[in-house]
Amino acid sequence: MEPQEPLKSYEGRGETLDEAFLDAARKALDDDRDRNVGRQFVVIRHVVTVDNPRISEHRVAIGG
């Protein structure tokens, strides 16, 4: 059995879910562009902060 590298995750924040995912993706590319371009990630966590009556911030973590 081959040793597996630890799961690396990237957290993104944004006023919209789209902005949060773009922020996380940018961080993944900044970390290792050659390795992460075209790579598939899974959503590890999605946290929403609500400032009544609207959502004020999305935080997502992706990894894989």
N, C-alpha and C. Protein backbone atom coordinates (compact mmCIF):
# COMPACT_ATOMS: atom_id res chain seq x y z
N MET A 1 0.84 -1.17 0.00
CA MET A 1 0.00 0.00 0.00
C MET A 1 0.89 1.25 0.00
N GLU A 2 0.63 2.14 -0.94
CA GLU A 2 1.42 3.35 -1.07
C GLU A 2 1.03 4.37 0.00
N PRO A 3 2.00 5.08 0.54
CA PRO A 3 1.64 6.13 1.51
C PRO A 3 0.89 7.24 0.80
N GLN A 4 -0.13 7.75 1.45
CA GLN A 4 -0.91 8.83 0.87
C GLN A 4 -0.50 10.14 1.52
N GLU A 5 -0.48 11.17 0.70
CA GLU A 5 -0.17 12.49 1.24
C GLU A 5 -1.39 13.01 1.99
N PRO A 6 -1.17 13.87 2.96
CA PRO A 6 -2.31 14.39 3.71
C PRO A 6 -3.21 15.26 2.84
N LEU A 7 -4.47 15.28 3.18
CA LEU A 7 -5.45 16.08 2.45
C LEU A 7 -5.12 17.55 2.64
N LYS A 8 -4.93 18.26 1.56
CA LYS A 8 -4.64 19.68 1.61
C LYS A 8 -5.93 20.42 1.27
N SER A 9 -6.25 21.43 2.04
CA SER A 9 -7.48 22.17 1.78
C SER A 9 -7.18 23.65 1.60
N TYR A 10 -8.10 24.32 0.93
CA TYR A 10 -7.97 25.74 0.64
C TYR A 10 -9.29 26.41 1.01
N GLU A 11 -9.21 27.48 1.80
CA GLU A 11 -10.42 28.17 2.23
C GLU A 11 -10.59 29.45 1.44
N GLY A 12 -11.83 29.68 1.02
CA GLY A 12 -12.16 30.91 0.31
C GLY A 12 -13.31 31.62 0.97
N ARG A 13 -13.34 32.94 0.82
CA ARG A 13 -14.41 33.76 1.40
C ARG A 13 -14.95 34.69 0.34
N GLY A 14 -16.24 34.99 0.45
CA GLY A 14 -16.83 35.95 -0.47
C GLY A 14 -18.25 36.30 -0.08
N GLU A 15 -18.73 37.40 -0.63
CA GLU A 15 -20.10 37.82 -0.35
C GLU A 15 -21.09 36.88 -1.03
N THR A 16 -20.67 36.26 -2.14
CA THR A 16 -21.50 35.27 -2.82
C THR A 16 -20.77 33.93 -2.79
N LEU A 17 -21.51 32.87 -3.01
CA LEU A 17 -20.91 31.54 -3.05
C LEU A 17 -19.89 31.45 -4.19
N ASP A 18 -20.21 32.05 -5.32
CA ASP A 18 -19.30 32.06 -6.46
C ASP A 18 -17.98 32.73 -6.10
N GLU A 19 -18.04 33.87 -5.42
CA GLU A 19 -16.82 34.58 -5.02
C GLU A 19 -16.00 33.74 -4.05
N ALA A 20 -16.66 33.03 -3.15
CA ALA A 20 -15.95 32.18 -2.18
C ALA A 20 -15.22 31.05 -2.90
N PHE A 21 -15.89 30.41 -3.89
CA PHE A 21 -15.23 29.34 -4.63
C PHE A 21 -14.07 29.87 -5.47
N LEU A 22 -14.23 31.04 -6.07
CA LEU A 22 -13.14 31.63 -6.85
C LEU A 22 -11.94 31.95 -5.96
N ASP A 23 -12.20 32.45 -4.76
CA ASP A 23 -11.12 32.74 -3.82
C ASP A 23 -10.37 31.47 -3.44
N ALA A 24 -11.10 30.40 -3.16
CA ALA A 24 -10.46 29.12 -2.81
C ALA A 24 -9.66 28.57 -3.99
N ALA A 25 -10.21 28.68 -5.20
CA ALA A 25 -9.51 28.18 -6.39
C ALA A 25 -8.22 28.97 -6.63
N ARG A 26 -8.28 30.28 -6.44
CA ARG A 26 -7.07 31.09 -6.61
C ARG A 26 -5.99 30.68 -5.62
N LYS A 27 -6.40 30.39 -4.41
CA LYS A 27 -5.42 29.97 -3.39
C LYS A 27 -4.80 28.63 -3.76
N ALA A 28 -5.61 27.72 -4.32
CA ALA A 28 -5.09 26.42 -4.74
C ALA A 28 -4.06 26.61 -5.87
N LEU A 29 -4.36 27.49 -6.81
CA LEU A 29 -3.43 27.73 -7.92
C LEU A 29 -2.18 28.45 -7.46
N ASP A 30 -2.33 29.40 -6.54
CA ASP A 30 -1.16 30.10 -6.01
C ASP A 30 -0.24 29.14 -5.26
N ASP A 31 -0.82 28.13 -4.62
CA ASP A 31 -0.04 27.17 -3.86
C ASP A 31 0.79 26.27 -4.78
N ASP A 32 0.17 25.74 -5.83
CA ASP A 32 0.88 24.82 -6.72
C ASP A 32 0.14 24.74 -8.06
N ARG A 33 0.44 25.68 -8.94
CA ARG A 33 -0.27 25.77 -10.21
C ARG A 33 -0.13 24.49 -11.04
N ASP A 34 1.07 23.97 -11.17
CA ASP A 34 1.29 22.79 -12.01
C ASP A 34 0.48 21.59 -11.53
N ARG A 35 0.38 21.44 -10.25
CA ARG A 35 -0.30 20.28 -9.70
C ARG A 35 -1.82 20.45 -9.65
N ASN A 36 -2.30 21.68 -9.44
CA ASN A 36 -3.73 21.88 -9.20
C ASN A 36 -4.54 22.29 -10.42
N VAL A 37 -3.90 22.67 -11.53
CA VAL A 37 -4.66 23.01 -12.74
C VAL A 37 -5.34 21.74 -13.25
N GLY A 38 -6.63 21.81 -13.45
CA GLY A 38 -7.39 20.66 -13.96
C GLY A 38 -7.75 19.62 -12.92
N ARG A 39 -7.31 19.82 -11.71
CA ARG A 39 -7.57 18.86 -10.64
C ARG A 39 -8.99 19.04 -10.10
N GLN A 40 -9.59 17.95 -9.67
CA GLN A 40 -10.92 18.02 -9.08
C GLN A 40 -10.80 18.10 -7.57
N PHE A 41 -11.63 18.94 -6.98
CA PHE A 41 -11.67 19.12 -5.54
C PHE A 41 -13.07 18.80 -5.05
N VAL A 42 -13.17 18.46 -3.79
CA VAL A 42 -14.47 18.25 -3.16
C VAL A 42 -14.70 19.38 -2.16
N VAL A 43 -15.97 19.68 -1.93
CA VAL A 43 -16.30 20.69 -0.93
C VAL A 43 -16.23 20.01 0.43
N ILE A 44 -15.37 20.52 1.27
CA ILE A 44 -15.20 19.96 2.61
C ILE A 44 -16.15 20.65 3.59
N ARG A 45 -16.30 21.96 3.39
CA ARG A 45 -17.12 22.72 4.34
C ARG A 45 -17.70 23.94 3.63
N HIS A 46 -18.92 24.31 4.00
CA HIS A 46 -19.56 25.54 3.52
C HIS A 46 -20.24 26.18 4.71
N VAL A 47 -19.79 27.37 5.08
CA VAL A 47 -20.34 28.09 6.23
C VAL A 47 -20.91 29.41 5.73
N VAL A 48 -22.11 29.72 6.20
CA VAL A 48 -22.78 30.94 5.79
C VAL A 48 -22.99 31.83 7.01
N THR A 49 -22.63 33.10 6.89
CA THR A 49 -22.89 34.07 7.94
C THR A 49 -24.06 34.93 7.48
N VAL A 50 -25.08 35.03 8.32
CA VAL A 50 -26.29 35.76 7.96
C VAL A 50 -26.34 37.07 8.73
N ASP A 51 -26.54 38.15 7.98
CA ASP A 51 -26.76 39.46 8.58
C ASP A 51 -28.18 39.84 8.16
N ASN A 52 -29.12 39.58 9.04
CA ASN A 52 -30.54 39.63 8.73
C ASN A 52 -30.89 40.82 7.86
N PRO A 53 -31.61 40.64 6.79
CA PRO A 53 -32.22 39.40 6.30
C PRO A 53 -31.44 38.75 5.16
N ARG A 54 -30.18 39.08 4.99
CA ARG A 54 -29.44 38.51 3.86
C ARG A 54 -28.16 37.84 4.33
N ILE A 55 -27.60 37.05 3.43
CA ILE A 55 -26.32 36.39 3.71
C ILE A 55 -25.21 37.42 3.50
N SER A 56 -24.34 37.55 4.48
CA SER A 56 -23.27 38.53 4.37
C SER A 56 -21.94 37.92 3.96
N GLU A 57 -21.77 36.62 4.20
CA GLU A 57 -20.50 36.00 3.83
C GLU A 57 -20.66 34.50 3.69
N HIS A 58 -19.99 33.96 2.65
CA HIS A 58 -19.85 32.52 2.45
C HIS A 58 -18.40 32.18 2.71
N ARG A 59 -18.16 31.07 3.40
CA ARG A 59 -16.81 30.53 3.58
C ARG A 59 -16.85 29.07 3.11
N VAL A 60 -15.97 28.73 2.22
CA VAL A 60 -15.91 27.36 1.73
C VAL A 60 -14.51 26.83 1.91
N ALA A 61 -14.40 25.53 2.06
CA ALA A 61 -13.11 24.85 2.07
C ALA A 61 -13.19 23.74 1.02
N ILE A 62 -12.20 23.72 0.13
CA ILE A 62 -12.12 22.67 -0.87
C ILE A 62 -10.85 21.88 -0.65
N GLY A 63 -10.87 20.63 -1.05
CA GLY A 63 -9.69 19.78 -0.91
C GLY A 63 -9.84 18.55 -1.77
N GLY A 64 -8.83 17.72 -1.75
CA GLY A 64 -8.97 16.50 -2.52
C GLY A 64 -7.64 15.94 -2.91
